[in-house]
Amino acid sequence: MLGDGDHLTCRAAKRKDQTRAVPANVVATDPLAAMAIKNARSLVADAERLKRIPGAPNSAAYVPVMIQDRVLGAMGIRNLSPDSPQFTTHHAALLSALSDYAAIALENARNLDMLRSNNS
């Protein structure tokens, strides 16, 4: 999810019945992603912590997508079924490594857009 002014926009999603992620452009209301963005820190939540949130998953991990000190958005994973394993800080560390690559790709795309608009 990317921070887009005062709201989050989901740009891609993968459901458990899909083999690959698909493009999306949906305004999202995800309090866990918002928390990861606001605090600029990883967040791992287990079933006990999530039971206060209506419709929450069984387990979740979110990390901010950052370039230097600027938060671009958040990347998250969720386990929906009650018998699924809980995410750990190890999972968040792996997700954080992926978010670094996502941040680089987003920054490169923005730089390319700027170059193209300057050359037009």
PDB file of N, CA and C in Angstrom:
ATOM      1  N   MET A   1       0.841  -1.160   0.000  1.00  0.00           N
ATOM      2  CA  MET A   1       0.000   0.000   0.000  1.00  0.00           C
ATOM      3  C   MET A   1       0.888   1.225   0.000  1.00  0.00           C
ATOM      4  N   LEU A   2       0.453   2.196  -0.761  1.00  0.00           N
ATOM      5  CA  LEU A   2       1.214   3.430  -0.836  1.00  0.00           C
ATOM      6  C   LEU A   2       0.464   4.532  -0.120  1.00  0.00           C
ATOM      7  N   GLY A   3       1.219   5.339   0.625  1.00  0.00           N
ATOM      8  CA  GLY A   3       0.635   6.520   1.235  1.00  0.00           C
ATOM      9  C   GLY A   3       0.340   7.511   0.121  1.00  0.00           C
ATOM     10  N   ASP A   4      -0.879   7.967   0.050  1.00  0.00           N
ATOM     11  CA  ASP A   4      -1.312   8.846  -1.033  1.00  0.00           C
ATOM     12  C   ASP A   4      -2.064  10.013  -0.399  1.00  0.00           C
ATOM     13  N   GLY A   5      -1.300  10.981   0.093  1.00  0.00           N
ATOM     14  CA  GLY A   5      -1.930  12.077   0.816  1.00  0.00           C
ATOM     15  C   GLY A   5      -2.393  11.595   2.173  1.00  0.00           C
ATOM     16  N   ASP A   6      -3.678  11.711   2.435  1.00  0.00           N
ATOM     17  CA  ASP A   6      -4.210  11.317   3.733  1.00  0.00           C
ATOM     18  C   ASP A   6      -4.847   9.929   3.732  1.00  0.00           C
ATOM     19  N   HIS A   7      -4.625   9.143   2.674  1.00  0.00           N
ATOM     20  CA  HIS A   7      -5.178   7.796   2.632  1.00  0.00           C
ATOM     21  C   HIS A   7      -4.177   6.813   2.037  1.00  0.00           C
ATOM     22  N   LEU A   8      -4.471   5.539   2.186  1.00  0.00           N
ATOM     23  CA  LEU A   8      -3.654   4.465   1.632  1.00  0.00           C
ATOM     24  C   LEU A   8      -4.303   3.942   0.366  1.00  0.00           C
ATOM     25  N   THR A   9      -3.485   3.619  -0.616  1.00  0.00           N
ATOM     26  CA  THR A   9      -3.988   3.027  -1.849  1.00  0.00           C
ATOM     27  C   THR A   9      -3.314   1.685  -2.053  1.00  0.00           C
ATOM     28  N   CYS A  10      -4.111   0.648  -2.167  1.00  0.00           N
ATOM     29  CA  CYS A  10      -3.593  -0.684  -2.455  1.00  0.00           C
ATOM     30  C   CYS A  10      -3.328  -0.762  -3.953  1.00  0.00           C
ATOM     31  N   ARG A  11      -2.095  -1.003  -4.347  1.00  0.00           N
ATOM     32  CA  ARG A  11      -1.713  -1.041  -5.762  1.00  0.00           C
ATOM     33  C   ARG A  11      -1.597  -2.451  -6.326  1.00  0.00           C
ATOM     34  N   ALA A  12      -1.503  -3.458  -5.450  1.00  0.00           N
ATOM     35  CA  ALA A  12      -1.445  -4.850  -5.902  1.00  0.00           C
ATOM     36  C   ALA A  12      -1.911  -5.736  -4.758  1.00  0.00           C
ATOM     37  N   ALA A  13      -2.512  -6.869  -5.107  1.00  0.00           N
ATOM     38  CA  ALA A  13      -2.989  -7.799  -4.086  1.00  0.00           C
ATOM     39  C   ALA A  13      -2.924  -9.217  -4.615  1.00  0.00           C
ATOM     40  N   LYS A  14      -2.784 -10.158  -3.704  1.00  0.00           N
ATOM     41  CA  LYS A  14      -2.807 -11.575  -4.054  1.00  0.00           C
ATOM     42  C   LYS A  14      -3.676 -12.293  -3.038  1.00  0.00           C
ATOM     43  N   ARG A  15      -4.694 -12.928  -3.525  1.00  0.00           N
ATOM     44  CA  ARG A  15      -5.581 -13.727  -2.687  1.00  0.00           C
ATOM     45  C   ARG A  15      -5.048 -15.148  -2.612  1.00  0.00           C
ATOM     46  N   LYS A  16      -5.483 -15.896  -1.609  1.00  0.00           N
ATOM     47  CA  LYS A  16      -4.935 -17.244  -1.440  1.00  0.00           C
ATOM     48  C   LYS A  16      -5.286 -18.175  -2.582  1.00  0.00           C
ATOM     49  N   ASP A  17      -6.345 -17.892  -3.338  1.00  0.00           N
ATOM     50  CA  ASP A  17      -6.707 -18.750  -4.464  1.00  0.00           C
ATOM     51  C   ASP A  17      -6.053 -18.299  -5.779  1.00  0.00           C
ATOM     52  N   GLN A  18      -5.225 -17.262  -5.729  1.00  0.00           N
ATOM     53  CA  GLN A  18      -4.535 -16.769  -6.922  1.00  0.00           C
ATOM     54  C   GLN A  18      -3.078 -17.203  -6.903  1.00  0.00           C
ATOM     55  N   THR A  19      -2.532 -17.451  -8.087  1.00  0.00           N
ATOM     56  CA  THR A  19      -1.129 -17.859  -8.159  1.00  0.00           C
ATOM     57  C   THR A  19      -0.182 -16.662  -8.175  1.00  0.00           C
ATOM     58  N   ARG A  20      -0.674 -15.509  -8.618  1.00  0.00           N
ATOM     59  CA  ARG A  20       0.163 -14.301  -8.691  1.00  0.00           C
ATOM     60  C   ARG A  20      -0.620 -13.086  -8.225  1.00  0.00           C
ATOM     61  N   ALA A  21       0.120 -12.071  -7.843  1.00  0.00           N
ATOM     62  CA  ALA A  21      -0.507 -10.799  -7.476  1.00  0.00           C
ATOM     63  C   ALA A  21      -1.090 -10.153  -8.728  1.00  0.00           C
ATOM     64  N   VAL A  22      -2.124  -9.368  -8.525  1.00  0.00           N
ATOM     65  CA  VAL A  22      -2.764  -8.659  -9.624  1.00  0.00           C
ATOM     66  C   VAL A  22      -2.778  -7.165  -9.303  1.00  0.00           C
ATOM     67  N   PRO A  23      -2.730  -6.325 -10.340  1.00  0.00           N
ATOM     68  CA  PRO A  23      -2.790  -4.880 -10.098  1.00  0.00           C
ATOM     69  C   PRO A  23      -4.104  -4.490  -9.438  1.00  0.00           C
ATOM     70  N   ALA A  24      -4.031  -3.451  -8.639  1.00  0.00           N
ATOM     71  CA  ALA A  24      -5.224  -2.930  -7.970  1.00  0.00           C
ATOM     72  C   ALA A  24      -5.051  -1.423  -7.832  1.00  0.00           C
ATOM     73  N   ASN A  25      -6.140  -0.749  -7.620  1.00  0.00           N
ATOM     74  CA  ASN A  25      -6.103   0.690  -7.349  1.00  0.00           C
ATOM     75  C   ASN A  25      -7.293   0.994  -6.443  1.00  0.00           C
ATOM     76  N   VAL A  26      -7.165   0.556  -5.193  1.00  0.00           N
ATOM     77  CA  VAL A  26      -8.266   0.611  -4.248  1.00  0.00           C
ATOM     78  C   VAL A  26      -7.839   1.402  -3.016  1.00  0.00           C
ATOM     79  N   VAL A  27      -8.673   2.356  -2.611  1.00  0.00           N
ATOM     80  CA  VAL A  27      -8.412   3.056  -1.360  1.00  0.00           C
ATOM     81  C   VAL A  27      -8.613   2.051  -0.239  1.00  0.00           C
ATOM     82  N   ALA A  28      -7.623   1.927   0.624  1.00  0.00           N
ATOM     83  CA  ALA A  28      -7.639   0.910   1.668  1.00  0.00           C
ATOM     84  C   ALA A  28      -7.807   1.530   3.046  1.00  0.00           C
ATOM     85  N   THR A  29      -8.465   0.792   3.896  1.00  0.00           N
ATOM     86  CA  THR A  29      -8.567   1.173   5.301  1.00  0.00           C
ATOM     87  C   THR A  29      -7.983   0.028   6.112  1.00  0.00           C
ATOM     88  N   ASP A  30      -6.707   0.045   6.289  1.00  0.00           N
ATOM     89  CA  ASP A  30      -6.002  -1.007   7.007  1.00  0.00           C
ATOM     90  C   ASP A  30      -5.271  -0.373   8.181  1.00  0.00           C
ATOM     91  N   PRO A  31      -5.806  -0.509   9.396  1.00  0.00           N
ATOM     92  CA  PRO A  31      -5.179   0.155  10.538  1.00  0.00           C
ATOM     93  C   PRO A  31      -3.764  -0.338  10.836  1.00  0.00           C
ATOM     94  N   LEU A  32      -3.469  -1.593  10.499  1.00  0.00           N
ATOM     95  CA  LEU A  32      -2.121  -2.112  10.752  1.00  0.00           C
ATOM     96  C   LEU A  32      -1.111  -1.507   9.786  1.00  0.00           C
ATOM     97  N   ALA A  33      -1.481  -1.388   8.519  1.00  0.00           N
ATOM     98  CA  ALA A  33      -0.594  -0.734   7.552  1.00  0.00           C
ATOM     99  C   ALA A  33      -0.393   0.724   7.931  1.00  0.00           C
ATOM    100  N   ALA A  34      -1.469   1.383   8.332  1.00  0.00           N
ATOM    101  CA  ALA A  34      -1.371   2.784   8.737  1.00  0.00           C
ATOM    102  C   ALA A  34      -0.433   2.944   9.929  1.00  0.00           C
ATOM    103  N   MET A  35      -0.476   1.994  10.861  1.00  0.00           N
ATOM    104  CA  MET A  35       0.399   2.048  12.030  1.00  0.00           C
ATOM    105  C   MET A  35       1.868   1.862  11.628  1.00  0.00           C
ATOM    106  N   ALA A  36       2.134   0.928  10.710  1.00  0.00           N
ATOM    107  CA  ALA A  36       3.509   0.709  10.248  1.00  0.00           C
ATOM    108  C   ALA A  36       4.039   1.957   9.557  1.00  0.00           C
ATOM    109  N   ILE A  37       3.169   2.638   8.807  1.00  0.00           N
ATOM    110  CA  ILE A  37       3.576   3.870   8.115  1.00  0.00           C
ATOM    111  C   ILE A  37       3.799   4.992   9.122  1.00  0.00           C
ATOM    112  N   LYS A  38       2.860   5.181  10.015  1.00  0.00           N
ATOM    113  CA  LYS A  38       2.942   6.268  10.992  1.00  0.00           C
ATOM    114  C   LYS A  38       4.184   6.152  11.870  1.00  0.00           C
ATOM    115  N   ASN A  39       4.477   4.928  12.339  1.00  0.00           N
ATOM    116  CA  ASN A  39       5.613   4.712  13.239  1.00  0.00           C
ATOM    117  C   ASN A  39       6.916   4.425  12.513  1.00  0.00           C
ATOM    118  N   ALA A  40       6.838   4.201  11.188  1.00  0.00           N
ATOM    119  CA  ALA A  40       8.013   3.865  10.377  1.00  0.00           C
ATOM    120  C   ALA A  40       8.773   2.676  10.981  1.00  0.00           C
ATOM    121  N   ARG A  41       7.989   1.680  11.431  1.00  0.00           N
ATOM    122  CA  ARG A  41       8.575   0.488  12.038  1.00  0.00           C
ATOM    123  C   ARG A  41       7.786  -0.750  11.642  1.00  0.00           C
ATOM    124  N   SER A  42       8.467  -1.884  11.718  1.00  0.00           N
ATOM    125  CA  SER A  42       7.814  -3.167  11.460  1.00  0.00           C
ATOM    126  C   SER A  42       6.775  -3.437  12.542  1.00  0.00           C
ATOM    127  N   LEU A  43       5.769  -4.214  12.151  1.00  0.00           N
ATOM    128  CA  LEU A  43       4.691  -4.558  13.065  1.00  0.00           C
ATOM    129  C   LEU A  43       4.341  -6.030  12.856  1.00  0.00           C
ATOM    130  N   VAL A  44       4.377  -6.803  13.930  1.00  0.00           N
ATOM    131  CA  VAL A  44       3.963  -8.207  13.889  1.00  0.00           C
ATOM    132  C   VAL A  44       2.847  -8.356  14.904  1.00  0.00           C
ATOM    133  N   ALA A  45       1.719  -8.898  14.454  1.00  0.00           N
ATOM    134  CA  ALA A  45       0.566  -9.044  15.338  1.00  0.00           C
ATOM    135  C   ALA A  45       0.050 -10.477  15.283  1.00  0.00           C
ATOM    136  N   ASP A  46      -0.144 -11.062  16.448  1.00  0.00           N
ATOM    137  CA  ASP A  46      -0.678 -12.423  16.521  1.00  0.00           C
ATOM    138  C   ASP A  46      -2.184 -12.390  16.767  1.00  0.00           C
ATOM    139  N   ALA A  47      -2.782 -13.561  16.827  1.00  0.00           N
ATOM    140  CA  ALA A  47      -4.231 -13.667  16.966  1.00  0.00           C
ATOM    141  C   ALA A  47      -4.739 -12.969  18.225  1.00  0.00           C
ATOM    142  N   GLU A  48      -4.006 -13.079  19.308  1.00  0.00           N
ATOM    143  CA  GLU A  48      -4.425 -12.452  20.566  1.00  0.00           C
ATOM    144  C   GLU A  48      -4.485 -10.928  20.429  1.00  0.00           C
ATOM    145  N   ARG A  49      -3.490 -10.361  19.812  1.00  0.00           N
ATOM    146  CA  ARG A  49      -3.437  -8.903  19.619  1.00  0.00           C
ATOM    147  C   ARG A  49      -4.496  -8.423  18.627  1.00  0.00           C
ATOM    148  N   LEU A  50      -4.796  -9.260  17.644  1.00  0.00           N
ATOM    149  CA  LEU A  50      -5.715  -8.868  16.569  1.00  0.00           C
ATOM    150  C   LEU A  50      -7.188  -9.080  16.908  1.00  0.00           C
ATOM    151  N   LYS A  51      -7.481  -9.803  17.968  1.00  0.00           N
ATOM    152  CA  LYS A  51      -8.882 -10.135  18.246  1.00  0.00           C
ATOM    153  C   LYS A  51      -9.737  -8.905  18.538  1.00  0.00           C
ATOM    154  N   ARG A  52      -9.121  -7.781  18.869  1.00  0.00           N
ATOM    155  CA  ARG A  52      -9.862  -6.539  19.130  1.00  0.00           C
ATOM    156  C   ARG A  52     -10.336  -5.866  17.849  1.00  0.00           C
ATOM    157  N   ILE A  53      -9.752  -6.244  16.713  1.00  0.00           N
ATOM    158  CA  ILE A  53     -10.056  -5.594  15.444  1.00  0.00           C
ATOM    159  C   ILE A  53     -11.070  -6.444  14.671  1.00  0.00           C
ATOM    160  N   PRO A  54     -12.262  -5.902  14.386  1.00  0.00           N
ATOM    161  CA  PRO A  54     -13.269  -6.681  13.647  1.00  0.00           C
ATOM    162  C   PRO A  54     -12.759  -7.083  12.259  1.00  0.00           C
ATOM    163  N   GLY A  55     -12.954  -8.353  11.896  1.00  0.00           N
ATOM    164  CA  GLY A  55     -12.550  -8.847  10.580  1.00  0.00           C
ATOM    165  C   GLY A  55     -11.053  -9.002  10.404  1.00  0.00           C
ATOM    166  N   ALA A  56     -10.318  -8.969  11.502  1.00  0.00           N
ATOM    167  CA  ALA A  56      -8.856  -9.049  11.424  1.00  0.00           C
ATOM    168  C   ALA A  56      -8.403 -10.457  11.067  1.00  0.00           C
ATOM    169  N   PRO A  57      -7.206 -10.578  10.491  1.00  0.00           N
ATOM    170  CA  PRO A  57      -6.655 -11.898  10.179  1.00  0.00           C
ATOM    171  C   PRO A  57      -6.200 -12.614  11.457  1.00  0.00           C
ATOM    172  N   ASN A  58      -5.766 -13.849  11.307  1.00  0.00           N
ATOM    173  CA  ASN A  58      -5.245 -14.632  12.419  1.00  0.00           C
ATOM    174  C   ASN A  58      -3.857 -14.151  12.838  1.00  0.00           C
ATOM    175  N   SER A  59      -3.088 -13.698  11.881  1.00  0.00           N
ATOM    176  CA  SER A  59      -1.731 -13.215  12.131  1.00  0.00           C
ATOM    177  C   SER A  59      -1.375 -12.248  11.010  1.00  0.00           C
ATOM    178  N   ALA A  60      -0.546 -11.264  11.314  1.00  0.00           N
ATOM    179  CA  ALA A  60      -0.166 -10.287  10.291  1.00  0.00           C
ATOM    180  C   ALA A  60       1.221  -9.725  10.574  1.00  0.00           C
ATOM    181  N   ALA A  61       1.884  -9.325   9.518  1.00  0.00           N
ATOM    182  CA  ALA A  61       3.170  -8.632   9.626  1.00  0.00           C
ATOM    183  C   ALA A  61       3.174  -7.527   8.579  1.00  0.00           C
ATOM    184  N   TYR A  62       3.574  -6.338   8.994  1.00  0.00           N
ATOM    185  CA  TYR A  62       3.656  -5.186   8.101  1.00  0.00           C
ATOM    186  C   TYR A  62       4.989  -4.495   8.305  1.00  0.00           C
ATOM    187  N   VAL A  63       5.528  -3.957   7.232  1.00  0.00           N
ATOM    188  CA  VAL A  63       6.757  -3.170   7.305  1.00  0.00           C
ATOM    189  C   VAL A  63       6.570  -1.907   6.470  1.00  0.00           C
ATOM    190  N   PRO A  64       7.225  -0.823   6.878  1.00  0.00           N
ATOM    191  CA  PRO A  64       7.150   0.379   6.051  1.00  0.00           C
ATOM    192  C   PRO A  64       8.024   0.211   4.805  1.00  0.00           C
ATOM    193  N   VAL A  65       7.605   0.826   3.715  1.00  0.00           N
ATOM    194  CA  VAL A  65       8.412   0.885   2.499  1.00  0.00           C
ATOM    195  C   VAL A  65       9.046   2.267   2.519  1.00  0.00           C
ATOM    196  N   MET A  66      10.393   2.296   2.643  1.00  0.00           N
ATOM    197  CA  MET A  66      11.073   3.570   2.887  1.00  0.00           C
ATOM    198  C   MET A  66      12.243   3.809   1.939  1.00  0.00           C
ATOM    199  N   ILE A  67      12.437   5.079   1.592  1.00  0.00           N
ATOM    200  CA  ILE A  67      13.648   5.562   0.928  1.00  0.00           C
ATOM    201  C   ILE A  67      14.250   6.579   1.890  1.00  0.00           C
ATOM    202  N   GLN A  68      15.449   6.304   2.347  1.00  0.00           N
ATOM    203  CA  GLN A  68      16.100   7.104   3.392  1.00  0.00           C
ATOM    204  C   GLN A  68      15.141   7.227   4.572  1.00  0.00           C
ATOM    205  N   ASP A  69      14.747   8.426   4.959  1.00  0.00           N
ATOM    206  CA  ASP A  69      13.838   8.601   6.097  1.00  0.00           C
ATOM    207  C   ASP A  69      12.409   8.864   5.663  1.00  0.00           C
ATOM    208  N   ARG A  70      12.124   8.710   4.377  1.00  0.00           N
ATOM    209  CA  ARG A  70      10.785   9.001   3.840  1.00  0.00           C
ATOM    210  C   ARG A  70      10.003   7.706   3.665  1.00  0.00           C
ATOM    211  N   VAL A  71       8.827   7.646   4.284  1.00  0.00           N
ATOM    212  CA  VAL A  71       7.968   6.465   4.175  1.00  0.00           C
ATOM    213  C   VAL A  71       7.083   6.615   2.944  1.00  0.00           C
ATOM    214  N   LEU A  72       7.182   5.659   2.028  1.00  0.00           N
ATOM    215  CA  LEU A  72       6.384   5.670   0.804  1.00  0.00           C
ATOM    216  C   LEU A  72       5.068   4.918   0.982  1.00  0.00           C
ATOM    217  N   GLY A  73       5.079   3.935   1.853  1.00  0.00           N
ATOM    218  CA  GLY A  73       3.889   3.113   2.053  1.00  0.00           C
ATOM    219  C   GLY A  73       4.204   1.961   2.976  1.00  0.00           C
ATOM    220  N   ALA A  74       3.461   0.867   2.832  1.00  0.00           N
ATOM    221  CA  ALA A  74       3.669  -0.310   3.667  1.00  0.00           C
ATOM    222  C   ALA A  74       3.454  -1.565   2.838  1.00  0.00           C
ATOM    223  N   MET A  75       4.120  -2.625   3.257  1.00  0.00           N
ATOM    224  CA  MET A  75       3.964  -3.936   2.644  1.00  0.00           C
ATOM    225  C   MET A  75       3.557  -4.879   3.771  1.00  0.00           C
ATOM    226  N   GLY A  76       2.568  -5.710   3.511  1.00  0.00           N
ATOM    227  CA  GLY A  76       2.096  -6.584   4.570  1.00  0.00           C
ATOM    228  C   GLY A  76       1.704  -7.953   4.090  1.00  0.00           C
ATOM    229  N   ILE A  77       1.686  -8.879   5.034  1.00  0.00           N
ATOM    230  CA  ILE A  77       1.220 -10.235   4.789  1.00  0.00           C
ATOM    231  C   ILE A  77       0.271 -10.602   5.929  1.00  0.00           C
ATOM    232  N   ARG A  78      -0.735 -11.431   5.583  1.00  0.00           N
ATOM    233  CA  ARG A  78      -1.730 -11.824   6.583  1.00  0.00           C
ATOM    234  C   ARG A  78      -2.067 -13.297   6.432  1.00  0.00           C
ATOM    235  N   ASN A  79      -2.223 -13.973   7.550  1.00  0.00           N
ATOM    236  CA  ASN A  79      -2.741 -15.340   7.581  1.00  0.00           C
ATOM    237  C   ASN A  79      -4.198 -15.251   7.994  1.00  0.00           C
ATOM    238  N   LEU A  80      -5.085 -15.759   7.155  1.00  0.00           N
ATOM    239  CA  LEU A  80      -6.510 -15.623   7.420  1.00  0.00           C
ATOM    240  C   LEU A  80      -7.128 -16.799   8.161  1.00  0.00           C
ATOM    241  N   SER A  81      -6.627 -18.001   7.934  1.00  0.00           N
ATOM    242  CA  SER A  81      -7.266 -19.158   8.559  1.00  0.00           C
ATOM    243  C   SER A  81      -6.808 -19.316  10.008  1.00  0.00           C
ATOM    244  N   PRO A  82      -7.722 -19.717  10.883  1.00  0.00           N
ATOM    245  CA  PRO A  82      -7.407 -19.818  12.314  1.00  0.00           C
ATOM    246  C   PRO A  82      -6.311 -20.819  12.652  1.00  0.00           C
ATOM    247  N   ASP A  83      -6.117 -21.836  11.813  1.00  0.00           N
ATOM    248  CA  ASP A  83      -5.093 -22.833  12.105  1.00  0.00           C
ATOM    249  C   ASP A  83      -3.747 -22.522  11.444  1.00  0.00           C
ATOM    250  N   SER A  84      -3.618 -21.360  10.832  1.00  0.00           N
ATOM    251  CA  SER A  84      -2.356 -21.001  10.185  1.00  0.00           C
ATOM    252  C   SER A  84      -1.329 -20.560  11.236  1.00  0.00           C
ATOM    253  N   PRO A  85      -0.051 -20.735  10.933  1.00  0.00           N
ATOM    254  CA  PRO A  85       0.980 -20.353  11.903  1.00  0.00           C
ATOM    255  C   PRO A  85       1.047 -18.831  12.087  1.00  0.00           C
ATOM    256  N   GLN A  86       1.550 -18.426  13.225  1.00  0.00           N
ATOM    257  CA  GLN A  86       1.693 -17.009  13.535  1.00  0.00           C
ATOM    258  C   GLN A  86       2.980 -16.474  12.898  1.00  0.00           C
ATOM    259  N   PHE A  87       2.932 -15.241  12.419  1.00  0.00           N
ATOM    260  CA  PHE A  87       4.140 -14.606  11.906  1.00  0.00           C
ATOM    261  C   PHE A  87       5.032 -14.197  13.072  1.00  0.00           C
ATOM    262  N   THR A  88       6.323 -14.132  12.800  1.00  0.00           N
ATOM    263  CA  THR A  88       7.310 -13.768  13.817  1.00  0.00           C
ATOM    264  C   THR A  88       8.127 -12.578  13.335  1.00  0.00           C
ATOM    265  N   THR A  89       9.015 -12.098  14.180  1.00  0.00           N
ATOM    266  CA  THR A  89       9.906 -11.005  13.774  1.00  0.00           C
ATOM    267  C   THR A  89      10.828 -11.451  12.635  1.00  0.00           C
ATOM    268  N   HIS A  90      11.097 -12.750  12.559  1.00  0.00           N
ATOM    269  CA  HIS A  90      11.891 -13.265  11.437  1.00  0.00           C
ATOM    270  C   HIS A  90      11.156 -13.035  10.114  1.00  0.00           C
ATOM    271  N   HIS A  91       9.853 -13.291  10.092  1.00  0.00           N
ATOM    272  CA  HIS A  91       9.058 -13.038   8.888  1.00  0.00           C
ATOM    273  C   HIS A  91       9.073 -11.544   8.550  1.00  0.00           C
ATOM    274  N   ALA A  92       8.974 -10.716   9.562  1.00  0.00           N
ATOM    275  CA  ALA A  92       9.003  -9.261   9.333  1.00  0.00           C
ATOM    276  C   ALA A  92      10.349  -8.825   8.766  1.00  0.00           C
ATOM    277  N   ALA A  93      11.436  -9.451   9.214  1.00  0.00           N
ATOM    278  CA  ALA A  93      12.763  -9.115   8.681  1.00  0.00           C
ATOM    279  C   ALA A  93      12.867  -9.495   7.203  1.00  0.00           C
ATOM    280  N   LEU A  94      12.325 -10.649   6.840  1.00  0.00           N
ATOM    281  CA  LEU A  94      12.317 -11.054   5.434  1.00  0.00           C
ATOM    282  C   LEU A  94      11.464 -10.089   4.604  1.00  0.00           C
ATOM    283  N   LEU A  95      10.309  -9.719   5.139  1.00  0.00           N
ATOM    284  CA  LEU A  95       9.428  -8.783   4.456  1.00  0.00           C
ATOM    285  C   LEU A  95      10.101  -7.421   4.313  1.00  0.00           C
ATOM    286  N   SER A  96      10.855  -7.027   5.315  1.00  0.00           N
ATOM    287  CA  SER A  96      11.574  -5.751   5.263  1.00  0.00           C
ATOM    288  C   SER A  96      12.606  -5.742   4.133  1.00  0.00           C
ATOM    289  N   ALA A  97      13.287  -6.861   3.937  1.00  0.00           N
ATOM    290  CA  ALA A  97      14.251  -6.953   2.832  1.00  0.00           C
ATOM    291  C   ALA A  97      13.538  -6.785   1.496  1.00  0.00           C
ATOM    292  N   LEU A  98      12.366  -7.413   1.347  1.00  0.00           N
ATOM    293  CA  LEU A  98      11.586  -7.247   0.116  1.00  0.00           C
ATOM    294  C   LEU A  98      11.109  -5.809  -0.049  1.00  0.00           C
ATOM    295  N   SER A  99      10.725  -5.177   1.053  1.00  0.00           N
ATOM    296  CA  SER A  99      10.233  -3.795   0.963  1.00  0.00           C
ATOM    297  C   SER A  99      11.342  -2.841   0.526  1.00  0.00           C
ATOM    298  N   ASP A 100      12.590  -3.164   0.861  1.00  0.00           N
ATOM    299  CA  ASP A 100      13.712  -2.334   0.390  1.00  0.00           C
ATOM    300  C   ASP A 100      13.777  -2.359  -1.140  1.00  0.00           C
ATOM    301  N   TYR A 101      13.612  -3.531  -1.722  1.00  0.00           N
ATOM    302  CA  TYR A 101      13.620  -3.637  -3.189  1.00  0.00           C
ATOM    303  C   TYR A 101      12.415  -2.927  -3.800  1.00  0.00           C
ATOM    304  N   ALA A 102      11.272  -3.025  -3.143  1.00  0.00           N
ATOM    305  CA  ALA A 102      10.076  -2.320  -3.625  1.00  0.00           C
ATOM    306  C   ALA A 102      10.298  -0.810  -3.583  1.00  0.00           C
ATOM    307  N   ALA A 103      10.915  -0.325  -2.517  1.00  0.00           N
ATOM    308  CA  ALA A 103      11.184   1.115  -2.390  1.00  0.00           C
ATOM    309  C   ALA A 103      12.121   1.591  -3.496  1.00  0.00           C
ATOM    310  N   ILE A 104      13.137   0.802  -3.791  1.00  0.00           N
ATOM    311  CA  ILE A 104      14.074   1.157  -4.870  1.00  0.00           C
ATOM    312  C   ILE A 104      13.335   1.198  -6.207  1.00  0.00           C
ATOM    313  N   ALA A 105      12.495   0.201  -6.473  1.00  0.00           N
ATOM    314  CA  ALA A 105      11.732   0.167  -7.726  1.00  0.00           C
ATOM    315  C   ALA A 105      10.795   1.369  -7.827  1.00  0.00           C
ATOM    316  N   LEU A 106      10.110   1.711  -6.737  1.00  0.00           N
ATOM    317  CA  LEU A 106       9.212   2.875  -6.751  1.00  0.00           C
ATOM    318  C   LEU A 106       9.980   4.173  -6.989  1.00  0.00           C
ATOM    319  N   GLU A 107      11.110   4.311  -6.339  1.00  0.00           N
ATOM    320  CA  GLU A 107      11.912   5.528  -6.517  1.00  0.00           C
ATOM    321  C   GLU A 107      12.451   5.613  -7.936  1.00  0.00           C
ATOM    322  N   ASN A 108      12.907   4.488  -8.487  1.00  0.00           N
ATOM    323  CA  ASN A 108      13.374   4.480  -9.874  1.00  0.00           C
ATOM    324  C   ASN A 108      12.259   4.852 -10.842  1.00  0.00           C
ATOM    325  N   ALA A 109      11.048   4.344 -10.604  1.00  0.00           N
ATOM    326  CA  ALA A 109       9.906   4.676 -11.465  1.00  0.00           C
ATOM    327  C   ALA A 109       9.581   6.171 -11.373  1.00  0.00           C
ATOM    328  N   ARG A 110       9.623   6.719 -10.177  1.00  0.00           N
ATOM    329  CA  ARG A 110       9.366   8.160 -10.017  1.00  0.00           C
ATOM    330  C   ARG A 110      10.439   8.993 -10.714  1.00  0.00           C
ATOM    331  N   ASN A 111      11.683   8.574 -10.591  1.00  0.00           N
ATOM    332  CA  ASN A 111      12.772   9.295 -11.266  1.00  0.00           C
ATOM    333  C   ASN A 111      12.613   9.230 -12.781  1.00  0.00           C
ATOM    334  N   LEU A 112      12.226   8.077 -13.301  1.00  0.00           N
ATOM    335  CA  LEU A 112      12.010   7.930 -14.737  1.00  0.00           C
ATOM    336  C   LEU A 112      10.863   8.826 -15.202  1.00  0.00           C
ATOM    337  N   ASP A 113       9.784   8.870 -14.435  1.00  0.00           N
ATOM    338  CA  ASP A 113       8.660   9.759 -14.768  1.00  0.00           C
ATOM    339  C   ASP A 113       9.103  11.221 -14.812  1.00  0.00           C
ATOM    340  N   MET A 114       9.926  11.621 -13.844  1.00  0.00           N
ATOM    341  CA  MET A 114      10.423  13.003 -13.813  1.00  0.00           C
ATOM    342  C   MET A 114      11.288  13.309 -15.030  1.00  0.00           C
ATOM    343  N   LEU A 115      12.156  12.363 -15.391  1.00  0.00           N
ATOM    344  CA  LEU A 115      13.004  12.553 -16.573  1.00  0.00           C
ATOM    345  C   LEU A 115      12.170  12.671 -17.831  1.00  0.00           C
ATOM    346  N   ARG A 116      11.171  11.833 -17.957  1.00  0.00           N
ATOM    347  CA  ARG A 116      10.309  11.866 -19.149  1.00  0.00           C
ATOM    348  C   ARG A 116       9.523  13.166 -19.215  1.00  0.00           C
ATOM    349  N   SER A 117       9.022  13.650 -18.097  1.00  0.00           N
ATOM    350  CA  SER A 117       8.250  14.897 -18.130  1.00  0.00           C
ATOM    351  C   SER A 117       9.150  16.094 -18.381  1.00  0.00           C
ATOM    352  N   ASN A 118      10.401  16.034 -17.941  1.00  0.00           N
ATOM    353  CA  ASN A 118      11.346  17.119 -18.218  1.00  0.00           C
ATOM    354  C   ASN A 118      11.776  17.157 -19.686  1.00  0.00           C
ATOM    355  N   ASN A 119      11.748  16.003 -20.337  1.00  0.00           N
ATOM    356  CA  ASN A 119      12.174  15.909 -21.739  1.00  0.00           C
ATOM    357  C   ASN A 119      11.017  16.121 -22.717  1.00  0.00           C
ATOM    358  N   SER A 120       9.793  16.304 -22.215  1.00  0.00           N
ATOM    359  CA  SER A 120       8.669  16.484 -23.126  1.00  0.00           C
ATOM    360  C   SER A 120       8.427  17.940 -23.416  1.00  0.00           C
TER     361      SER A 120
END
